[in-house]
Amino acid sequence: MLEKKGTILSVREDLKVFDCTIRDGGLVNNFYFSDEFVRAHYEMCVASGVDYMEIGKNVSPTLMSEDEYGPWNFCKEEDIRRIVGENKTDLKIAVMSDIGRSLKEELRPKNESVVDMIRIATYIHQIPAAIELIEDAHAKGYETTVNIMAISKVSEKELDEVLEALSKTNVDVIYIADSFGSFYPEQIRDLAGKYLGFAEKSGKKVGIHAHNNLQLAYANTLEAMIYGASFLDVTVSGLGRGAGNCPLELLLGFLKNPKYKQMPVLEFIENYIVDLEKKLDWGYSIPYMITGQLNEHPRAAMKARDEGDTKYREFFKNISFME
């Protein structure tokens, strides 16, 4: 039987708060955050005690157009350094590599970069390429994580095979990624047990990346944490693709480690997010609830939100009959 790790009052030194605001939020505005916004966010992460900041993706400019996306989709070294300098702080900087969009040949050695961690995002069928990227980043001196996406659509046997393969790599953290925001806490608990079973035998950690389609991102993050996950993904005010993510301010209000501080987050929300909420659309809504309940990708819900479509019954029927 899976045992809880600590109590509601415990201070767990293994926990890492991982802020994904710029990367997941970049999916809402094509990564067009101003330098002022990203710098203020970086300073907020430092002041609030956040452990990792994901500053964007390292997509290759040869594969996606720099005319269509902002700089944080590409995370060139000079752009990152323009924000963080030499980053002489305790905050670690991460970027995400999407399989098929990032090229290992473009990843410079860690001793030439201010980036600390490479996060690999992969689907099940891309695992061989993901492992190749993991080993390349590890050999170059980076910490690594892997997010296996869309696991709510794969069989248990497939997932077991992938976790077994990843347990034999040099990846540091294996993430439970609730890509469609369709999981409930009991399912997250079972997944935490499964992932930990594979990860811990080879000295790896487990993380959780939740989406808020069913208003369970916070609950699912706590559930995974209570049952042993230690890397916890969050975004300020839940800013992220579609229904968004577990809010940073909620998690910091729960954690008992005095290193974490809420006030810098609230200040950032006052100064930047309140205005941004008037311009961008993210967070829980009926279309996202429907795709979450039906375990479907939120792209149809995103389209409905963009078009102001409030014919929710028709939307539900259309999604129900999707193959």
C-alpha atoms as a PDB file:
ATOM      1  CA  MET A   1       0.000   0.000   0.000  1.00  0.00           C
ATOM      2  CA  LEU A   2       1.329   3.447  -0.947  1.00  0.00           C
ATOM      3  CA  GLU A   3       2.244   5.423   2.152  1.00  0.00           C
ATOM      4  CA  LYS A   4       1.957   9.155   2.688  1.00  0.00           C
ATOM      5  CA  LYS A   5       5.203  11.073   2.853  1.00  0.00           C
ATOM      6  CA  GLY A   6       4.986  13.340   5.883  1.00  0.00           C
ATOM      7  CA  THR A   7       1.919  15.168   7.196  1.00  0.00           C
ATOM      8  CA  ILE A   8       0.170  18.431   6.458  1.00  0.00           C
ATOM      9  CA  LEU A   9       2.602  20.146   8.852  1.00  0.00           C
ATOM     10  CA  SER A  10       5.782  18.539   7.522  1.00  0.00           C
ATOM     11  CA  VAL A  11       8.647  20.493   5.999  1.00  0.00           C
ATOM     12  CA  ARG A  12      10.002  18.259   3.262  1.00  0.00           C
ATOM     13  CA  GLU A  13      13.462  19.218   2.103  1.00  0.00           C
ATOM     14  CA  ASP A  14      13.047  17.143  -1.075  1.00  0.00           C
ATOM     15  CA  LEU A  15      10.246  19.345  -2.414  1.00  0.00           C
ATOM     16  CA  LYS A  16      11.021  21.634  -5.341  1.00  0.00           C
ATOM     17  CA  VAL A  17       8.629  24.342  -6.498  1.00  0.00           C
ATOM     18  CA  PHE A  18       8.901  24.629 -10.268  1.00  0.00           C
ATOM     19  CA  ASP A  19       7.479  27.768 -11.882  1.00  0.00           C
ATOM     20  CA  CYS A  20       6.360  27.254 -15.513  1.00  0.00           C
ATOM     21  CA  THR A  21       4.637  30.619 -16.003  1.00  0.00           C
ATOM     22  CA  ILE A  22       6.666  31.874 -18.960  1.00  0.00           C
ATOM     23  CA  ARG A  23       6.735  28.515 -20.753  1.00  0.00           C
ATOM     24  CA  ASP A  24       3.146  27.326 -20.210  1.00  0.00           C
ATOM     25  CA  GLY A  25       1.837  30.883 -20.267  1.00  0.00           C
ATOM     26  CA  GLY A  26       3.708  31.400 -23.517  1.00  0.00           C
ATOM     27  CA  LEU A  27       1.298  28.965 -25.135  1.00  0.00           C
ATOM     28  CA  VAL A  28      -1.431  31.562 -24.535  1.00  0.00           C
ATOM     29  CA  ASN A  29       0.304  34.512 -26.247  1.00  0.00           C
ATOM     30  CA  ASN A  30       2.841  32.810 -28.551  1.00  0.00           C
ATOM     31  CA  PHE A  31       5.616  33.692 -26.093  1.00  0.00           C
ATOM     32  CA  TYR A  32       5.312  37.445 -26.606  1.00  0.00           C
ATOM     33  CA  PHE A  33       6.182  38.465 -23.052  1.00  0.00           C
ATOM     34  CA  SER A  34       8.085  41.715 -22.692  1.00  0.00           C
ATOM     35  CA  ASP A  35      11.529  41.804 -21.109  1.00  0.00           C
ATOM     36  CA  GLU A  36      10.011  43.842 -18.288  1.00  0.00           C
ATOM     37  CA  PHE A  37       7.445  41.117 -17.582  1.00  0.00           C
ATOM     38  CA  VAL A  38       9.969  38.263 -17.691  1.00  0.00           C
ATOM     39  CA  ARG A  39      12.502  40.154 -15.562  1.00  0.00           C
ATOM     40  CA  ALA A  40       9.865  41.009 -12.946  1.00  0.00           C
ATOM     41  CA  HIS A  41       8.779  37.386 -12.954  1.00  0.00           C
ATOM     42  CA  TYR A  42      12.376  36.230 -12.481  1.00  0.00           C
ATOM     43  CA  GLU A  43      12.818  38.629  -9.554  1.00  0.00           C
ATOM     44  CA  MET A  44       9.551  37.371  -8.067  1.00  0.00           C
ATOM     45  CA  CYS A  45      10.758  33.764  -8.271  1.00  0.00           C
ATOM     46  CA  VAL A  46      13.980  34.684  -6.484  1.00  0.00           C
ATOM     47  CA  ALA A  47      12.198  36.662  -3.762  1.00  0.00           C
ATOM     48  CA  SER A  48       9.519  34.009  -3.144  1.00  0.00           C
ATOM     49  CA  GLY A  49      11.977  31.123  -2.771  1.00  0.00           C
ATOM     50  CA  VAL A  50      10.905  29.248  -5.915  1.00  0.00           C
ATOM     51  CA  ASP A  51      13.446  26.545  -6.776  1.00  0.00           C
ATOM     52  CA  TYR A  52      13.230  26.460 -10.592  1.00  0.00           C
ATOM     53  CA  MET A  53      12.001  28.890 -13.235  1.00  0.00           C
ATOM     54  CA  GLU A  54      11.180  27.569 -16.695  1.00  0.00           C
ATOM     55  CA  ILE A  55      11.922  30.565 -18.895  1.00  0.00           C
ATOM     56  CA  GLY A  56      10.530  29.074 -22.105  1.00  0.00           C
ATOM     57  CA  LYS A  57      11.283  26.549 -24.828  1.00  0.00           C
ATOM     58  CA  ASN A  58      14.453  26.015 -26.836  1.00  0.00           C
ATOM     59  CA  VAL A  59      12.720  25.381 -30.147  1.00  0.00           C
ATOM     60  CA  SER A  60      15.055  25.562 -33.127  1.00  0.00           C
ATOM     61  CA  PRO A  61      14.540  28.708 -35.255  1.00  0.00           C
ATOM     62  CA  THR A  62      15.105  26.447 -38.257  1.00  0.00           C
ATOM     63  CA  LEU A  63      11.887  24.580 -37.415  1.00  0.00           C
ATOM     64  CA  MET A  64       9.557  27.385 -36.279  1.00  0.00           C
ATOM     65  CA  SER A  65       9.468  30.974 -37.484  1.00  0.00           C
ATOM     66  CA  GLU A  66      10.822  33.750 -35.285  1.00  0.00           C
ATOM     67  CA  ASP A  67       8.352  36.035 -37.064  1.00  0.00           C
ATOM     68  CA  GLU A  68       5.414  34.153 -35.544  1.00  0.00           C
ATOM     69  CA  TYR A  69       6.646  33.557 -31.980  1.00  0.00           C
ATOM     70  CA  GLY A  70       8.298  35.632 -29.289  1.00  0.00           C
ATOM     71  CA  PRO A  71      11.847  35.044 -28.004  1.00  0.00           C
ATOM     72  CA  TRP A  72      10.808  32.737 -25.164  1.00  0.00           C
ATOM     73  CA  ASN A  73       9.839  30.053 -27.663  1.00  0.00           C
ATOM     74  CA  PHE A  74      13.500  29.861 -28.687  1.00  0.00           C
ATOM     75  CA  CYS A  75      15.390  30.861 -25.500  1.00  0.00           C
ATOM     76  CA  LYS A  76      18.618  31.942 -27.107  1.00  0.00           C
ATOM     77  CA  GLU A  77      21.440  32.283 -24.608  1.00  0.00           C
ATOM     78  CA  GLU A  78      21.759  36.030 -25.150  1.00  0.00           C
ATOM     79  CA  ASP A  79      18.038  36.544 -24.519  1.00  0.00           C
ATOM     80  CA  ILE A  80      18.128  34.579 -21.265  1.00  0.00           C
ATOM     81  CA  ARG A  81      21.227  36.412 -20.047  1.00  0.00           C
ATOM     82  CA  ARG A  82      19.579  39.737 -20.860  1.00  0.00           C
ATOM     83  CA  ILE A  83      17.076  38.857 -18.118  1.00  0.00           C
ATOM     84  CA  VAL A  84      19.062  36.898 -15.519  1.00  0.00           C
ATOM     85  CA  GLY A  85      22.668  37.947 -16.152  1.00  0.00           C
ATOM     86  CA  GLU A  86      24.897  35.325 -14.564  1.00  0.00           C
ATOM     87  CA  ASN A  87      22.011  34.349 -12.252  1.00  0.00           C
ATOM     88  CA  LYS A  88      24.009  34.495  -9.043  1.00  0.00           C
ATOM     89  CA  THR A  89      21.011  33.306  -7.012  1.00  0.00           C
ATOM     90  CA  ASP A  90      19.652  30.033  -5.631  1.00  0.00           C
ATOM     91  CA  LEU A  91      17.014  29.949  -8.385  1.00  0.00           C
ATOM     92  CA  LYS A  92      17.736  27.473 -11.165  1.00  0.00           C
ATOM     93  CA  ILE A  93      16.817  28.205 -14.785  1.00  0.00           C
ATOM     94  CA  ALA A  94      15.150  25.602 -17.016  1.00  0.00           C
ATOM     95  CA  VAL A  95      14.036  25.400 -20.638  1.00  0.00           C
ATOM     96  CA  MET A  96      11.787  22.854 -22.323  1.00  0.00           C
ATOM     97  CA  SER A  97      12.783  20.792 -25.351  1.00  0.00           C
ATOM     98  CA  ASP A  98       9.893  19.461 -27.432  1.00  0.00           C
ATOM     99  CA  ILE A  99      10.752  16.291 -29.312  1.00  0.00           C
ATOM    100  CA  GLY A 100      10.742  17.132 -32.996  1.00  0.00           C
ATOM    101  CA  ARG A 101      11.185  20.866 -32.411  1.00  0.00           C
ATOM    102  CA  SER A 102      14.489  21.073 -30.528  1.00  0.00           C
ATOM    103  CA  LEU A 103      17.839  20.009 -31.980  1.00  0.00           C
ATOM    104  CA  LYS A 104      20.540  18.544 -29.762  1.00  0.00           C
ATOM    105  CA  GLU A 105      23.186  20.027 -32.061  1.00  0.00           C
ATOM    106  CA  GLU A 106      22.042  23.501 -30.983  1.00  0.00           C
ATOM    107  CA  LEU A 107      22.345  22.760 -27.241  1.00  0.00           C
ATOM    108  CA  ARG A 108      25.609  24.192 -25.977  1.00  0.00           C
ATOM    109  CA  PRO A 109      27.512  22.594 -23.054  1.00  0.00           C
ATOM    110  CA  LYS A 110      26.333  23.585 -19.570  1.00  0.00           C
ATOM    111  CA  ASN A 111      29.606  25.401 -18.849  1.00  0.00           C
ATOM    112  CA  GLU A 112      28.718  27.823 -21.650  1.00  0.00           C
ATOM    113  CA  SER A 113      25.132  28.437 -20.508  1.00  0.00           C
ATOM    114  CA  VAL A 114      23.263  30.029 -17.624  1.00  0.00           C
ATOM    115  CA  VAL A 115      20.575  27.324 -18.018  1.00  0.00           C
ATOM    116  CA  ASP A 116      20.643  24.583 -15.363  1.00  0.00           C
ATOM    117  CA  MET A 117      18.007  22.124 -16.542  1.00  0.00           C
ATOM    118  CA  ILE A 118      16.638  20.757 -19.808  1.00  0.00           C
ATOM    119  CA  ARG A 119      13.047  19.507 -19.663  1.00  0.00           C
ATOM    120  CA  ILE A 120      12.105  17.034 -22.377  1.00  0.00           C
ATOM    121  CA  ALA A 121       8.441  16.879 -23.441  1.00  0.00           C
ATOM    122  CA  THR A 122       7.530  13.715 -25.314  1.00  0.00           C
ATOM    123  CA  TYR A 123       4.691  11.494 -26.418  1.00  0.00           C
ATOM    124  CA  ILE A 124       4.914   7.734 -25.986  1.00  0.00           C
ATOM    125  CA  HIS A 125       5.765   7.099 -29.643  1.00  0.00           C
ATOM    126  CA  GLN A 126       8.687   9.558 -29.419  1.00  0.00           C
ATOM    127  CA  ILE A 127      10.443   7.893 -26.477  1.00  0.00           C
ATOM    128  CA  PRO A 128      13.550   6.726 -28.409  1.00  0.00           C
ATOM    129  CA  ALA A 129      14.169  10.311 -29.553  1.00  0.00           C
ATOM    130  CA  ALA A 130      13.469  11.574 -26.028  1.00  0.00           C
ATOM    131  CA  ILE A 131      16.035   9.208 -24.530  1.00  0.00           C
ATOM    132  CA  GLU A 132      18.595  10.391 -27.072  1.00  0.00           C
ATOM    133  CA  LEU A 133      17.944  14.006 -26.058  1.00  0.00           C
ATOM    134  CA  ILE A 134      18.065  13.128 -22.347  1.00  0.00           C
ATOM    135  CA  GLU A 135      21.451  11.482 -22.684  1.00  0.00           C
ATOM    136  CA  ASP A 136      22.835  14.334 -24.785  1.00  0.00           C
ATOM    137  CA  ALA A 137      21.735  16.978 -22.253  1.00  0.00           C
ATOM    138  CA  HIS A 138      23.061  14.883 -19.363  1.00  0.00           C
ATOM    139  CA  ALA A 139      26.417  14.414 -21.085  1.00  0.00           C
ATOM    140  CA  LYS A 140      26.631  18.175 -21.591  1.00  0.00           C
ATOM    141  CA  GLY A 141      26.204  18.736 -17.852  1.00  0.00           C
ATOM    142  CA  TYR A 142      22.533  19.629 -17.434  1.00  0.00           C
ATOM    143  CA  GLU A 143      19.949  18.384 -14.985  1.00  0.00           C
ATOM    144  CA  THR A 144      17.139  16.706 -16.917  1.00  0.00           C
ATOM    145  CA  THR A 145      13.452  15.915 -16.568  1.00  0.00           C
ATOM    146  CA  VAL A 146      11.024  14.150 -18.866  1.00  0.00           C
ATOM    147  CA  ASN A 147       7.302  14.875 -19.216  1.00  0.00           C
ATOM    148  CA  ILE A 148       5.411  11.968 -20.797  1.00  0.00           C
ATOM    149  CA  MET A 149       2.416  13.688 -22.360  1.00  0.00           C
ATOM    150  CA  ALA A 150      -1.133  12.433 -22.951  1.00  0.00           C
ATOM    151  CA  ILE A 151      -0.750   9.436 -20.623  1.00  0.00           C
ATOM    152  CA  SER A 152      -4.527   9.377 -20.115  1.00  0.00           C
ATOM    153  CA  LYS A 153      -4.717   8.033 -23.683  1.00  0.00           C
ATOM    154  CA  VAL A 154      -2.210   5.168 -23.379  1.00  0.00           C
ATOM    155  CA  SER A 155      -2.514   1.639 -22.014  1.00  0.00           C
ATOM    156  CA  GLU A 156      -1.044   0.641 -18.675  1.00  0.00           C
ATOM    157  CA  LYS A 157       1.245  -1.835 -20.426  1.00  0.00           C
ATOM    158  CA  GLU A 158       2.634   0.886 -22.708  1.00  0.00           C
ATOM    159  CA  LEU A 159       3.176   3.211 -19.766  1.00  0.00           C
ATOM    160  CA  ASP A 160       4.965   0.497 -17.782  1.00  0.00           C
ATOM    161  CA  GLU A 161       7.288  -0.201 -20.705  1.00  0.00           C
ATOM    162  CA  VAL A 162       8.123   3.488 -21.093  1.00  0.00           C
ATOM    163  CA  LEU A 163       8.753   3.975 -17.373  1.00  0.00           C
ATOM    164  CA  GLU A 164      11.003   0.922 -17.331  1.00  0.00           C
ATOM    165  CA  ALA A 165      13.000   2.325 -20.257  1.00  0.00           C
ATOM    166  CA  LEU A 166      13.284   5.766 -18.658  1.00  0.00           C
ATOM    167  CA  SER A 167      14.376   4.266 -15.340  1.00  0.00           C
ATOM    168  CA  LYS A 168      17.495   3.010 -17.125  1.00  0.00           C
ATOM    169  CA  THR A 169      18.446   6.452 -18.476  1.00  0.00           C
ATOM    170  CA  ASN A 170      20.266   9.344 -16.820  1.00  0.00           C
ATOM    171  CA  VAL A 171      17.114  11.460 -16.485  1.00  0.00           C
ATOM    172  CA  ASP A 172      16.807  13.018 -13.011  1.00  0.00           C
ATOM    173  CA  VAL A 173      13.029  13.507 -12.749  1.00  0.00           C
ATOM    174  CA  ILE A 174      10.109  11.700 -14.401  1.00  0.00           C
ATOM    175  CA  TYR A 175       6.908  13.742 -14.549  1.00  0.00           C
ATOM    176  CA  ILE A 176       3.279  12.744 -14.266  1.00  0.00           C
ATOM    177  CA  ALA A 177       1.769  15.076 -16.885  1.00  0.00           C
ATOM    178  CA  ASP A 178      -2.017  15.463 -16.826  1.00  0.00           C
ATOM    179  CA  SER A 179      -2.031  16.891 -20.352  1.00  0.00           C
ATOM    180  CA  PHE A 180      -5.805  17.000 -20.795  1.00  0.00           C
ATOM    181  CA  GLY A 181      -6.690  17.887 -17.191  1.00  0.00           C
ATOM    182  CA  SER A 182      -8.740  14.708 -17.000  1.00  0.00           C
ATOM    183  CA  PHE A 183      -7.352  12.931 -13.934  1.00  0.00           C
ATOM    184  CA  TYR A 184      -8.930  12.778 -10.482  1.00  0.00           C
ATOM    185  CA  PRO A 185      -6.941  12.631  -7.213  1.00  0.00           C
ATOM    186  CA  GLU A 186      -7.404   8.872  -6.787  1.00  0.00           C
ATOM    187  CA  GLN A 187      -5.942   8.322 -10.255  1.00  0.00           C
ATOM    188  CA  ILE A 188      -3.059  10.668  -9.501  1.00  0.00           C
ATOM    189  CA  ARG A 189      -2.354   8.698  -6.325  1.00  0.00           C
ATOM    190  CA  ASP A 190      -2.179   5.467  -8.313  1.00  0.00           C
ATOM    191  CA  LEU A 191       0.071   7.071 -10.922  1.00  0.00           C
ATOM    192  CA  ALA A 192       2.351   8.452  -8.218  1.00  0.00           C
ATOM    193  CA  GLY A 193       2.773   4.947  -6.847  1.00  0.00           C
ATOM    194  CA  LYS A 194       3.499   3.555 -10.304  1.00  0.00           C
ATOM    195  CA  TYR A 195       6.000   6.276 -11.247  1.00  0.00           C
ATOM    196  CA  LEU A 196       7.779   6.107  -7.892  1.00  0.00           C
ATOM    197  CA  GLY A 197       8.057   2.346  -8.216  1.00  0.00           C
ATOM    198  CA  PHE A 198      10.096   2.763 -11.385  1.00  0.00           C
ATOM    199  CA  ALA A 199      11.904   5.980 -10.467  1.00  0.00           C
ATOM    200  CA  GLU A 200      13.134   5.267  -6.966  1.00  0.00           C
ATOM    201  CA  LYS A 201      14.848   2.002  -7.849  1.00  0.00           C
ATOM    202  CA  SER A 202      17.270   4.036  -9.950  1.00  0.00           C
ATOM    203  CA  GLY A 203      17.560   7.080  -7.697  1.00  0.00           C
ATOM    204  CA  LYS A 204      15.207   9.342  -9.634  1.00  0.00           C
ATOM    205  CA  LYS A 205      12.537  11.782  -8.486  1.00  0.00           C
ATOM    206  CA  VAL A 206       8.922  12.134  -9.608  1.00  0.00           C
ATOM    207  CA  GLY A 207       7.172  15.378 -10.552  1.00  0.00           C
ATOM    208  CA  ILE A 208       3.599  16.476 -11.238  1.00  0.00           C
ATOM    209  CA  HIS A 209       2.360  18.837 -13.965  1.00  0.00           C
ATOM    210  CA  ALA A 210      -1.390  19.403 -13.673  1.00  0.00           C
ATOM    211  CA  HIS A 211      -4.011  21.212 -15.760  1.00  0.00           C
ATOM    212  CA  ASN A 212      -7.134  22.773 -14.306  1.00  0.00           C
ATOM    213  CA  ASN A 213      -9.935  21.604 -16.627  1.00  0.00           C
ATOM    214  CA  LEU A 214     -11.835  20.013 -13.735  1.00  0.00           C
ATOM    215  CA  GLN A 215     -10.634  22.556 -11.144  1.00  0.00           C
ATOM    216  CA  LEU A 216      -8.411  19.826  -9.719  1.00  0.00           C
ATOM    217  CA  ALA A 217      -4.916  21.071 -10.614  1.00  0.00           C
ATOM    218  CA  TYR A 218      -4.210  22.172  -7.032  1.00  0.00           C
ATOM    219  CA  ALA A 219      -5.819  19.094  -5.460  1.00  0.00           C
ATOM    220  CA  ASN A 220      -3.970  16.759  -7.825  1.00  0.00           C
ATOM    221  CA  THR A 221      -0.662  18.498  -7.146  1.00  0.00           C
ATOM    222  CA  LEU A 222      -1.156  18.075  -3.397  1.00  0.00           C
ATOM    223  CA  GLU A 223      -2.214  14.445  -3.865  1.00  0.00           C
ATOM    224  CA  ALA A 224       0.919  13.644  -5.859  1.00  0.00           C
ATOM    225  CA  MET A 225       3.061  15.479  -3.326  1.00  0.00           C
ATOM    226  CA  ILE A 226       1.510  13.727  -0.323  1.00  0.00           C
ATOM    227  CA  TYR A 227       2.232  10.349  -1.908  1.00  0.00           C
ATOM    228  CA  GLY A 228       5.848  11.060  -2.775  1.00  0.00           C
ATOM    229  CA  ALA A 229       6.205  13.372  -5.785  1.00  0.00           C
ATOM    230  CA  SER A 230       8.751  16.079  -5.059  1.00  0.00           C
ATOM    231  CA  PHE A 231       8.889  18.334  -8.149  1.00  0.00           C
ATOM    232  CA  LEU A 232       5.728  20.448  -8.234  1.00  0.00           C
ATOM    233  CA  ASP A 233       4.868  22.474 -11.349  1.00  0.00           C
ATOM    234  CA  VAL A 234       2.980  25.738 -10.864  1.00  0.00           C
ATOM    235  CA  THR A 235       2.229  28.998 -12.666  1.00  0.00           C
ATOM    236  CA  VAL A 236       1.295  32.423 -11.332  1.00  0.00           C
ATOM    237  CA  SER A 237      -2.513  32.656 -11.197  1.00  0.00           C
ATOM    238  CA  GLY A 238      -2.566  29.361 -13.090  1.00  0.00           C
ATOM    239  CA  LEU A 239      -1.417  31.145 -16.280  1.00  0.00           C
ATOM    240  CA  GLY A 240      -1.062  28.442 -18.914  1.00  0.00           C
ATOM    241  CA  ARG A 241      -2.516  26.723 -21.936  1.00  0.00           C
ATOM    242  CA  GLY A 242      -6.272  26.318 -21.896  1.00  0.00           C
ATOM    243  CA  ALA A 243      -7.605  25.821 -18.389  1.00  0.00           C
ATOM    244  CA  GLY A 244      -4.218  26.661 -16.930  1.00  0.00           C
ATOM    245  CA  ASN A 245      -2.218  25.022 -14.172  1.00  0.00           C
ATOM    246  CA  CYS A 246      -1.851  24.746 -10.415  1.00  0.00           C
ATOM    247  CA  PRO A 247      -1.494  28.333  -9.120  1.00  0.00           C
ATOM    248  CA  LEU A 248       1.840  29.176  -7.518  1.00  0.00           C
ATOM    249  CA  GLU A 249       0.212  31.364  -4.877  1.00  0.00           C
ATOM    250  CA  LEU A 250      -2.017  28.491  -3.715  1.00  0.00           C
ATOM    251  CA  LEU A 251       0.880  26.069  -3.340  1.00  0.00           C
ATOM    252  CA  LEU A 252       3.107  28.534  -1.486  1.00  0.00           C
ATOM    253  CA  GLY A 253       0.226  29.220   0.892  1.00  0.00           C
ATOM    254  CA  PHE A 254       0.122  25.513   1.737  1.00  0.00           C
ATOM    255  CA  LEU A 255       3.798  24.589   2.024  1.00  0.00           C
ATOM    256  CA  LYS A 256       5.229  24.911   5.516  1.00  0.00           C
ATOM    257  CA  ASN A 257       8.857  25.559   4.603  1.00  0.00           C
ATOM    258  CA  PRO A 258       9.606  29.162   5.690  1.00  0.00           C
ATOM    259  CA  LYS A 259      11.840  29.644   2.634  1.00  0.00           C
ATOM    260  CA  TYR A 260       8.700  30.066   0.517  1.00  0.00           C
ATOM    261  CA  LYS A 261       7.047  33.500   0.605  1.00  0.00           C
ATOM    262  CA  GLN A 262       3.676  34.512  -0.843  1.00  0.00           C
ATOM    263  CA  MET A 263       3.965  38.293  -0.770  1.00  0.00           C
ATOM    264  CA  PRO A 264       6.312  38.666  -3.771  1.00  0.00           C
ATOM    265  CA  VAL A 265       3.853  36.576  -5.803  1.00  0.00           C
ATOM    266  CA  LEU A 266       0.904  38.735  -4.774  1.00  0.00           C
ATOM    267  CA  GLU A 267       2.894  41.848  -5.674  1.00  0.00           C
ATOM    268  CA  PHE A 268       3.640  40.425  -9.128  1.00  0.00           C
ATOM    269  CA  ILE A 269      -0.029  39.556  -9.614  1.00  0.00           C
ATOM    270  CA  GLU A 270      -1.041  43.104  -8.662  1.00  0.00           C
ATOM    271  CA  ASN A 271       1.492  44.705 -10.981  1.00  0.00           C
ATOM    272  CA  TYR A 272       1.305  42.397 -14.000  1.00  0.00           C
ATOM    273  CA  ILE A 273      -1.337  39.664 -13.934  1.00  0.00           C
ATOM    274  CA  VAL A 274      -4.392  41.802 -13.139  1.00  0.00           C
ATOM    275  CA  ASP A 275      -3.856  43.726 -16.367  1.00  0.00           C
ATOM    276  CA  LEU A 276      -2.873  40.617 -18.344  1.00  0.00           C
ATOM    277  CA  GLU A 277      -6.140  38.899 -17.405  1.00  0.00           C
ATOM    278  CA  LYS A 278      -7.976  41.623 -19.332  1.00  0.00           C
ATOM    279  CA  LYS A 279      -6.034  40.799 -22.504  1.00  0.00           C
ATOM    280  CA  LEU A 280      -5.514  37.019 -22.473  1.00  0.00           C
ATOM    281  CA  ASP A 281      -7.921  34.149 -21.904  1.00  0.00           C
ATOM    282  CA  TRP A 282      -6.945  31.258 -19.658  1.00  0.00           C
ATOM    283  CA  GLY A 283      -8.360  29.321 -16.739  1.00  0.00           C
ATOM    284  CA  TYR A 284     -11.389  27.169 -15.969  1.00  0.00           C
ATOM    285  CA  SER A 285     -14.397  27.448 -18.268  1.00  0.00           C
ATOM    286  CA  ILE A 286     -17.173  25.160 -19.490  1.00  0.00           C
ATOM    287  CA  PRO A 287     -15.485  24.128 -22.778  1.00  0.00           C
ATOM    288  CA  TYR A 288     -12.339  23.108 -20.889  1.00  0.00           C
ATOM    289  CA  MET A 289     -14.443  21.240 -18.340  1.00  0.00           C
ATOM    290  CA  ILE A 290     -16.049  19.281 -21.170  1.00  0.00           C
ATOM    291  CA  THR A 291     -12.769  18.296 -22.854  1.00  0.00           C
ATOM    292  CA  GLY A 292     -11.363  17.352 -19.447  1.00  0.00           C
ATOM    293  CA  GLN A 293     -14.341  15.174 -18.551  1.00  0.00           C
ATOM    294  CA  LEU A 294     -14.198  13.479 -21.948  1.00  0.00           C
ATOM    295  CA  ASN A 295     -10.403  13.082 -21.877  1.00  0.00           C
ATOM    296  CA  GLU A 296      -9.820  15.068 -25.059  1.00  0.00           C
ATOM    297  CA  HIS A 297      -7.153  17.552 -26.098  1.00  0.00           C
ATOM    298  CA  PRO A 298      -8.322  21.113 -25.299  1.00  0.00           C
ATOM    299  CA  ARG A 299      -7.744  22.476 -28.827  1.00  0.00           C
ATOM    300  CA  ALA A 300     -11.500  22.425 -29.582  1.00  0.00           C
ATOM    301  CA  ALA A 301     -12.210  24.241 -26.322  1.00  0.00           C
ATOM    302  CA  MET A 302      -9.524  26.810 -27.112  1.00  0.00           C
ATOM    303  CA  LYS A 303     -11.194  27.435 -30.478  1.00  0.00           C
ATOM    304  CA  ALA A 304     -14.587  27.803 -28.800  1.00  0.00           C
ATOM    305  CA  ARG A 305     -13.170  30.332 -26.334  1.00  0.00           C
ATOM    306  CA  ASP A 306     -11.468  32.287 -29.115  1.00  0.00           C
ATOM    307  CA  GLU A 307     -14.734  32.469 -31.059  1.00  0.00           C
ATOM    308  CA  GLY A 308     -16.884  33.278 -28.019  1.00  0.00           C
ATOM    309  CA  ASP A 309     -18.966  30.151 -28.621  1.00  0.00           C
ATOM    310  CA  THR A 310     -21.315  29.590 -25.669  1.00  0.00           C
ATOM    311  CA  LYS A 311     -23.451  26.841 -27.216  1.00  0.00           C
ATOM    312  CA  TYR A 312     -22.183  24.434 -24.588  1.00  0.00           C
ATOM    313  CA  ARG A 313     -24.694  21.622 -25.182  1.00  0.00           C
ATOM    314  CA  GLU A 314     -23.830  21.496 -28.871  1.00  0.00           C
ATOM    315  CA  PHE A 315     -20.132  21.643 -28.014  1.00  0.00           C
ATOM    316  CA  PHE A 316     -20.553  18.724 -25.597  1.00  0.00           C
ATOM    317  CA  LYS A 317     -22.328  16.640 -28.237  1.00  0.00           C
ATOM    318  CA  ASN A 318     -19.669  17.388 -30.845  1.00  0.00           C
ATOM    319  CA  ILE A 319     -16.809  16.460 -28.499  1.00  0.00           C
ATOM    320  CA  SER A 320     -18.636  13.311 -27.361  1.00  0.00           C
ATOM    321  CA  PHE A 321     -18.635  11.989 -30.919  1.00  0.00           C
ATOM    322  CA  MET A 322     -14.992  12.790 -31.630  1.00  0.00           C
ATOM    323  CA  GLU A 323     -12.828   9.822 -32.520  1.00  0.00           C
END
